[in-house]
Amino acid sequence: MDAPEGITITPAGGDDLPAVTALLAENSLPTEDVARHIGGFILARSVGKIAGSAGIEMFADAALLRSVAVATQFRRTGIGTALVAAMENRVRHDGIKEVYLLTETAEIFFRSRGYQTVARDSAPETIRRTREFATICPSTAVCMKKYLGK
């Protein structure tokens, strides 16, 4: 899916860290290790303002989609869907076939985009060892997976 009109999707840079952290906090998402992974983020921008974010941690066997957030005034515009699609294309291009995520609030959103609920312990060990999986997200978070195909 293309970004909505007036929105550009670009890689995040170190200068974006304060705005990304604020956006995640606004969406009640963890911010603890964002600085360490900012290079894996993409941002939706509207006239220079950050409208949304998505992060990825990639491994040889799978990827962890994280920090998908949309600023309140930009919700229900397609930005979240565009960010997720852009990340899926990125990991698919890099040969990764499985994307995992944890969520406490967006299960319906991700299910409508082809993600399925799976047992948390079914994720590859590389994913389970991430800080996001191991300590940052609560054990009550729903684990989801999408198989990207060939």
Protein backbone atom coordinates (compact mmCIF):
# COMPACT_ATOMS: atom_id res chain seq x y z
CA MET A 1 0.00 0.00 0.00
CA ASP A 2 1.22 3.48 -0.82
CA ALA A 3 1.31 6.19 1.81
CA PRO A 4 -1.75 8.43 2.04
CA GLU A 5 -1.60 11.70 0.09
CA GLY A 6 0.67 14.25 1.73
CA ILE A 7 2.56 11.59 3.70
CA THR A 8 6.10 10.45 2.96
CA ILE A 9 7.71 7.38 4.45
CA THR A 10 11.43 7.73 5.13
CA PRO A 11 14.08 6.01 7.24
CA ALA A 12 14.54 7.43 10.73
CA GLY A 13 17.75 9.09 11.76
CA GLY A 14 19.34 9.82 15.12
CA ASP A 15 17.88 13.34 15.09
CA ASP A 16 14.40 11.78 15.07
CA LEU A 17 14.88 9.98 18.37
CA PRO A 18 13.15 12.57 20.62
CA ALA A 19 10.10 12.78 18.34
CA VAL A 20 9.86 8.99 17.98
CA THR A 21 10.15 8.51 21.73
CA ALA A 22 7.40 11.10 22.28
CA LEU A 23 5.15 9.40 19.70
CA LEU A 24 5.61 6.00 21.32
CA ALA A 25 4.93 7.45 24.77
CA GLU A 26 1.76 9.11 23.40
CA ASN A 27 0.67 5.64 22.24
CA SER A 28 1.64 3.95 25.54
CA LEU A 29 4.32 1.89 23.81
CA PRO A 30 7.71 1.00 25.31
CA THR A 31 10.56 3.44 24.70
CA GLU A 32 13.34 1.75 26.67
CA ASP A 33 15.50 0.52 23.80
CA VAL A 34 14.41 2.75 20.92
CA ALA A 35 17.75 4.60 20.82
CA ARG A 36 19.54 1.32 20.26
CA HIS A 37 17.29 0.40 17.31
CA ILE A 38 16.45 3.78 15.71
CA GLY A 39 18.31 2.72 12.55
CA GLY A 40 15.64 0.06 12.01
CA PHE A 41 12.78 2.55 12.10
CA ILE A 42 10.81 4.15 9.29
CA LEU A 43 8.67 7.22 9.79
CA ALA A 44 5.58 8.63 8.17
CA ARG A 45 5.96 12.39 7.85
CA SER A 46 3.47 15.12 7.09
CA VAL A 47 5.02 18.51 6.36
CA GLY A 48 8.08 17.55 8.39
CA LYS A 49 6.05 16.37 11.39
CA ILE A 50 6.24 12.72 12.41
CA ALA A 51 2.82 11.19 11.89
CA GLY A 52 3.75 7.55 12.50
CA SER A 53 6.53 5.07 13.15
CA ALA A 54 7.41 1.42 12.73
CA GLY A 55 10.55 -0.39 13.78
CA ILE A 56 12.07 -3.70 12.82
CA GLU A 57 14.70 -5.98 14.29
CA MET A 58 15.91 -8.42 11.63
CA PHE A 59 17.60 -11.75 12.14
CA ALA A 60 18.63 -14.53 9.76
CA ASP A 61 15.44 -16.50 10.31
CA ALA A 62 12.77 -13.91 11.16
CA ALA A 63 12.02 -10.29 12.01
CA LEU A 64 10.39 -8.56 14.96
CA LEU A 65 8.02 -5.75 13.99
CA ARG A 66 7.78 -3.21 16.78
CA SER A 67 6.79 0.30 17.74
CA VAL A 68 4.03 0.71 15.16
CA ALA A 69 2.38 3.94 16.23
CA VAL A 70 0.35 6.72 14.63
CA ALA A 71 -0.08 10.21 16.07
CA THR A 72 -3.61 10.85 17.31
CA GLN A 73 -4.48 13.44 14.63
CA PHE A 74 -3.42 11.03 11.85
CA ARG A 75 -5.30 7.91 12.96
CA ARG A 76 -7.68 6.22 10.53
CA THR A 77 -5.85 7.68 7.53
CA GLY A 78 -4.05 4.52 6.36
CA ILE A 79 -0.67 5.52 7.79
CA GLY A 80 -0.41 2.45 10.04
CA THR A 81 -1.23 0.13 7.16
CA ALA A 82 1.30 1.88 4.91
CA LEU A 83 4.04 1.61 7.55
CA VAL A 84 3.40 -2.09 8.14
CA ALA A 85 3.36 -2.78 4.38
CA ALA A 86 6.62 -0.87 3.92
CA MET A 87 8.29 -2.91 6.68
CA GLU A 88 6.98 -6.17 5.25
CA ASN A 89 8.38 -5.23 1.83
CA ARG A 90 11.72 -4.38 3.41
CA VAL A 91 12.12 -7.69 5.20
CA ARG A 92 10.77 -9.65 2.23
CA HIS A 93 13.41 -7.94 0.07
CA ASP A 94 16.04 -9.10 2.57
CA GLY A 95 14.81 -12.71 2.28
CA ILE A 96 13.02 -12.95 5.61
CA LYS A 97 9.80 -14.92 5.47
CA GLU A 98 8.37 -14.61 8.99
CA VAL A 99 7.49 -11.47 10.92
CA TYR A 100 6.57 -11.59 14.61
CA LEU A 101 5.16 -8.92 16.91
CA LEU A 102 3.76 -8.44 20.38
CA THR A 103 0.71 -6.31 21.03
CA GLU A 104 -1.61 -5.46 23.87
CA THR A 105 -3.95 -3.17 21.92
CA ALA A 106 -3.72 -3.77 18.17
CA GLU A 107 -4.60 -7.43 17.69
CA ILE A 108 -7.59 -6.61 15.46
CA PHE A 109 -5.51 -4.20 13.34
CA PHE A 110 -2.80 -6.80 12.73
CA ARG A 111 -5.22 -9.69 12.25
CA SER A 112 -6.88 -7.72 9.42
CA ARG A 113 -3.43 -7.49 7.80
CA GLY A 114 -2.83 -11.23 7.80
CA TYR A 115 -1.15 -11.75 11.18
CA GLN A 116 -2.18 -14.75 13.25
CA THR A 117 -2.04 -15.26 16.98
CA VAL A 118 0.61 -17.80 17.94
CA ALA A 119 2.07 -19.10 21.18
CA ARG A 120 4.79 -16.80 22.41
CA ASP A 121 7.20 -19.69 22.85
CA SER A 122 6.74 -20.70 19.19
CA ALA A 123 8.75 -17.66 18.04
CA PRO A 124 12.34 -18.41 16.98
CA GLU A 125 14.92 -18.16 19.73
CA THR A 126 16.47 -15.10 18.06
CA ILE A 127 13.17 -13.26 18.51
CA ARG A 128 12.53 -14.56 22.03
CA ARG A 129 15.95 -13.28 23.14
CA THR A 130 15.26 -9.65 22.12
CA ARG A 131 14.74 -7.20 24.98
CA GLU A 132 11.33 -6.38 23.52
CA PHE A 133 10.26 -10.02 23.84
CA ALA A 134 12.21 -11.06 26.92
CA THR A 135 11.68 -8.15 29.30
CA ILE A 136 10.07 -5.01 27.88
CA CYS A 137 6.68 -6.27 26.71
CA PRO A 138 4.57 -7.90 29.41
CA SER A 139 3.83 -11.61 29.30
CA THR A 140 0.18 -10.71 28.70
CA ALA A 141 0.98 -9.25 25.27
CA VAL A 142 -0.41 -11.24 22.35
CA CYS A 143 2.20 -12.78 20.07
CA MET A 144 1.39 -12.65 16.36
CA LYS A 145 3.10 -13.93 13.23
CA LYS A 146 2.79 -13.40 9.51
CA TYR A 147 4.33 -15.65 6.92
CA LEU A 148 5.45 -13.51 3.98
CA GLY A 149 5.79 -16.38 1.52
CA LYS A 150 8.48 -17.32 -0.93
